[in-house]
């Protein structure tokens, strides 16, 4: 019996490896101005989507108030000198937030995160390769830019949504490859988010062991 219990983490790890996800994610834009977040409700957010607050006018913040257990809090100014902030949704549930100086004036908002809506296999995603997976120190990235679609950026997130690494790629056509040294990352599960030249994002789950 004890032997079976000890195998459970290995089985979970195997599930992550064999499902090595190629998912399509959405970036939601919330405009910040006197004295509102627009839109103030986002009911259609899914896990791995990104919320981006964009400054329009005034001096504000986006500050989490009540959020699901396990999710990361956030508190960022949204001003002319700090015109945007992004938060990656990795936990299911309702997220409430406010503008700290204007909450009493009704500057509050919410978004609801649902589970991933499945895996979308499309041409661009299938052309992105991350290997080996799992990796130990170095991970190789390659993709073939075709049909006017190319990958311009990679961001590596941990399970809390914290960005741990950023990489930019040239926008030329053809096969592009790069080797990244990520030996400083702790062992565990990470999200590799690729952004194409149309600002669409593609997420792969990658394991460091």
Protein backbone atom coordinates (compact mmCIF):
# COMPACT_ATOMS: atom_id res chain seq x y z
CA UNK A 1 0.00 0.00 0.00
CA UNK A 2 2.78 2.46 0.90
CA UNK A 3 4.51 1.74 -2.40
CA UNK A 4 1.33 2.67 -4.32
CA UNK A 5 1.00 5.95 -2.42
CA UNK A 6 4.60 6.88 -3.20
CA UNK A 7 3.93 6.41 -6.90
CA UNK A 8 1.14 8.99 -6.99
CA UNK A 9 3.41 12.08 -7.39
CA UNK A 10 5.24 10.28 -10.21
CA UNK A 11 1.93 9.57 -11.95
CA UNK A 12 0.88 13.22 -11.62
CA UNK A 13 4.23 14.29 -13.08
CA UNK A 14 3.76 11.87 -15.97
CA UNK A 15 0.31 13.36 -16.64
CA UNK A 16 1.84 16.83 -16.89
CA UNK A 17 4.53 15.57 -19.25
CA UNK A 18 2.25 13.61 -21.57
CA UNK A 19 -0.30 16.45 -21.69
CA UNK A 20 2.43 19.05 -22.41
CA UNK A 21 -0.15 21.61 -23.32
CA UNK A 22 -0.40 23.70 -26.45
CA UNK A 23 -3.11 26.12 -25.37
CA UNK A 24 -4.43 29.31 -26.81
CA UNK A 25 -4.76 32.16 -24.31
CA UNK A 26 -6.50 35.53 -24.45
CA UNK A 27 -5.23 38.92 -23.33
CA UNK A 28 -8.02 41.07 -21.85
CA UNK A 29 -7.69 44.87 -21.92
CA UNK A 30 -9.14 47.03 -19.13
CA UNK A 31 -8.98 50.80 -19.63
CA UNK A 32 -8.28 52.84 -16.50
CA UNK A 33 -9.58 56.41 -16.30
CA UNK A 34 -11.41 58.85 -14.05
CA UNK A 35 -13.15 57.16 -12.32
CA UNK A 36 -13.72 53.70 -13.70
CA UNK A 37 -12.30 50.44 -14.96
CA UNK A 38 -13.73 49.67 -18.41
CA UNK A 39 -15.06 47.03 -18.62
CA UNK A 40 -15.70 46.67 -14.91
CA UNK A 41 -16.64 42.98 -15.27
CA UNK A 42 -14.92 40.23 -17.24
CA UNK A 43 -17.00 37.06 -16.96
CA UNK A 44 -15.26 35.07 -19.69
CA UNK A 45 -11.67 34.83 -18.46
CA UNK A 46 -10.04 31.38 -18.47
CA UNK A 47 -6.96 29.97 -16.79
CA UNK A 48 -3.78 31.16 -18.58
CA UNK A 49 -5.47 34.33 -19.85
CA UNK A 50 -3.84 37.67 -19.05
CA UNK A 51 -5.52 40.82 -17.74
CA UNK A 52 -3.84 44.03 -18.93
CA UNK A 53 -4.77 47.37 -17.36
CA UNK A 54 -4.04 50.36 -19.61
CA UNK A 55 -3.86 53.99 -18.45
CA UNK A 56 -6.18 56.51 -20.11
CA UNK A 57 -6.26 59.38 -17.61
CA UNK A 58 -5.76 60.25 -13.94
CA UNK A 59 -3.64 58.63 -11.23
CA UNK A 60 -4.91 55.23 -10.17
CA UNK A 61 -3.96 51.77 -8.99
CA UNK A 62 -5.14 48.28 -9.70
CA UNK A 63 -5.15 46.55 -6.33
CA UNK A 64 -6.55 43.12 -5.50
CA UNK A 65 -9.06 42.93 -2.64
CA UNK A 66 -10.67 39.47 -2.42
CA UNK A 67 -9.28 36.71 -4.62
CA UNK A 68 -9.36 32.88 -4.63
CA UNK A 69 -7.12 30.90 -2.29
CA UNK A 70 -3.76 30.17 -3.91
CA UNK A 71 -3.86 33.16 -6.26
CA UNK A 72 -1.26 35.92 -6.10
CA UNK A 73 -2.24 39.38 -4.90
CA UNK A 74 -1.29 42.45 -6.91
CA UNK A 75 -0.95 46.18 -6.36
CA UNK A 76 0.31 48.37 -9.16
CA UNK A 77 0.05 52.08 -10.03
CA UNK A 78 -1.65 52.92 -13.31
CA UNK A 79 -0.46 56.40 -14.16
CA UNK A 80 1.05 58.28 -17.07
CA UNK A 81 4.52 57.17 -15.93
CA UNK A 82 3.33 53.59 -15.25
CA UNK A 83 0.80 53.16 -18.07
CA UNK A 84 0.13 49.42 -17.89
CA UNK A 85 0.20 46.31 -15.73
CA UNK A 86 -0.43 42.65 -16.52
CA UNK A 87 -1.71 39.81 -14.36
CA UNK A 88 -1.77 36.19 -15.50
CA UNK A 89 -4.82 34.25 -14.28
CA UNK A 90 -3.73 30.84 -13.02
CA UNK A 91 -6.39 30.07 -10.39
CA UNK A 92 -10.13 29.51 -10.92
CA UNK A 93 -12.52 31.82 -9.07
CA UNK A 94 -13.73 35.41 -8.65
CA UNK A 95 -11.17 38.21 -8.44
CA UNK A 96 -12.22 41.57 -6.99
CA UNK A 97 -10.00 44.62 -7.20
CA UNK A 98 -10.07 48.39 -6.72
CA UNK A 99 -8.33 51.68 -7.34
CA UNK A 100 -7.03 52.49 -3.86
CA UNK A 101 -7.50 56.30 -3.93
CA UNK A 102 -10.90 56.11 -5.68
CA UNK A 103 -12.56 52.99 -4.28
CA UNK A 104 -14.92 55.13 -2.19
CA UNK A 105 -16.08 56.71 -5.46
CA UNK A 106 -17.04 53.32 -6.85
CA UNK A 107 -13.87 52.54 -8.76
CA UNK A 108 -14.01 48.80 -8.20
CA UNK A 109 -14.20 45.89 -10.62
CA UNK A 110 -14.09 42.13 -10.96
CA UNK A 111 -13.22 39.26 -13.26
CA UNK A 112 -14.19 35.62 -13.06
CA UNK A 113 -11.72 32.92 -14.07
CA UNK A 114 -12.97 29.57 -15.37
CA UNK A 115 -10.96 26.42 -16.15
CA UNK A 116 -9.15 26.15 -19.47
CA UNK A 117 -11.51 25.59 -22.37
CA UNK A 118 -9.47 22.78 -23.86
CA UNK A 119 -6.50 22.52 -26.11
CA UNK A 120 -6.52 24.29 -29.43
CA UNK A 121 -4.15 22.74 -31.95
CA UNK A 122 -3.46 25.21 -34.70
CA UNK A 123 -0.72 25.71 -37.21
CA UNK A 124 1.25 28.29 -35.23
CA UNK A 125 1.15 26.36 -31.96
CA UNK A 126 2.15 23.07 -33.55
CA UNK A 127 5.22 24.74 -35.06
CA UNK A 128 6.56 25.79 -31.64
CA UNK A 129 8.93 23.27 -30.11
CA UNK A 130 10.21 23.24 -26.53
CA UNK A 131 12.68 20.46 -25.73
CA UNK A 132 13.63 18.58 -23.74
CA UNK A 133 10.54 18.54 -21.57
CA UNK A 134 11.24 17.95 -18.71
CA UNK A 135 14.60 19.79 -18.80
CA UNK A 136 17.44 20.20 -16.31
CA UNK A 137 19.48 23.26 -17.26
CA UNK A 138 19.05 24.21 -20.92
CA UNK A 139 15.87 24.24 -22.93
CA UNK A 140 15.76 24.55 -26.71
CA UNK A 141 13.14 26.74 -28.39
CA UNK A 142 12.40 26.50 -32.09
CA UNK A 143 9.59 27.60 -34.37
CA UNK A 144 9.00 28.00 -38.08
CA UNK A 145 7.58 31.37 -39.07
CA UNK A 146 5.07 30.81 -41.87
CA UNK A 147 2.07 32.55 -43.39
CA UNK A 148 3.13 35.96 -42.02
CA UNK A 149 2.95 34.65 -38.44
CA UNK A 150 6.08 34.78 -36.31
CA UNK A 151 6.87 34.55 -32.60
CA UNK A 152 8.35 37.75 -31.21
CA UNK A 153 8.54 37.12 -27.47
CA UNK A 154 8.67 34.45 -24.77
CA UNK A 155 7.75 34.95 -21.11
CA UNK A 156 8.28 32.24 -18.50
CA UNK A 157 5.83 32.20 -15.56
CA UNK A 158 5.73 30.19 -12.37
CA UNK A 159 2.53 28.84 -10.81
CA UNK A 160 1.86 32.18 -9.05
CA UNK A 161 1.94 34.12 -12.33
CA UNK A 162 5.32 35.73 -11.61
CA UNK A 163 7.44 36.40 -14.70
CA UNK A 164 10.84 34.76 -14.23
CA UNK A 165 12.36 35.13 -17.68
CA UNK A 166 11.78 37.12 -20.87
CA UNK A 167 13.22 36.51 -24.30
CA UNK A 168 12.78 38.42 -27.56
CA UNK A 169 13.15 36.90 -31.02
CA UNK A 170 13.91 38.40 -34.41
CA UNK A 171 10.92 38.70 -36.71
CA UNK A 172 12.45 37.13 -39.80
CA UNK A 173 10.79 34.32 -41.74
CA UNK A 174 11.95 30.73 -41.65
CA UNK A 175 13.22 28.46 -38.88
CA UNK A 176 14.27 30.28 -35.70
CA UNK A 177 15.92 28.48 -32.79
CA UNK A 178 17.35 29.50 -29.45
CA UNK A 179 18.86 27.73 -26.44
CA UNK A 180 17.99 29.16 -23.01
CA UNK A 181 19.89 28.47 -19.81
CA UNK A 182 17.30 28.26 -17.04
CA UNK A 183 19.33 26.33 -14.48
CA UNK A 184 18.56 28.93 -11.79
CA UNK A 185 14.87 28.02 -11.80
CA UNK A 186 13.71 25.71 -9.05
CA UNK A 187 12.40 22.30 -10.04
CA UNK A 188 8.71 22.37 -10.86
CA UNK A 189 6.06 23.30 -13.42
CA UNK A 190 6.33 26.47 -15.52
CA UNK A 191 4.28 28.18 -18.21
CA UNK A 192 6.06 29.23 -21.40
CA UNK A 193 3.96 31.96 -23.04
CA UNK A 194 4.80 32.80 -26.65
CA UNK A 195 3.52 36.04 -28.21
CA UNK A 196 3.23 36.32 -31.99
CA UNK A 197 3.37 39.41 -34.18
CA UNK A 198 -0.42 39.83 -33.85
CA UNK A 199 -0.17 39.77 -30.02
CA UNK A 200 -1.85 36.37 -29.79
CA UNK A 201 -0.42 34.16 -27.07
CA UNK A 202 0.32 30.45 -26.99
CA UNK A 203 1.12 28.63 -23.76
CA UNK A 204 3.06 25.45 -23.16
CA UNK A 205 3.52 23.73 -19.82
CA UNK A 206 7.17 22.83 -19.23
CA UNK A 207 8.74 20.96 -16.31
CA UNK A 208 12.17 21.48 -14.79
CA UNK A 209 13.55 18.50 -12.90
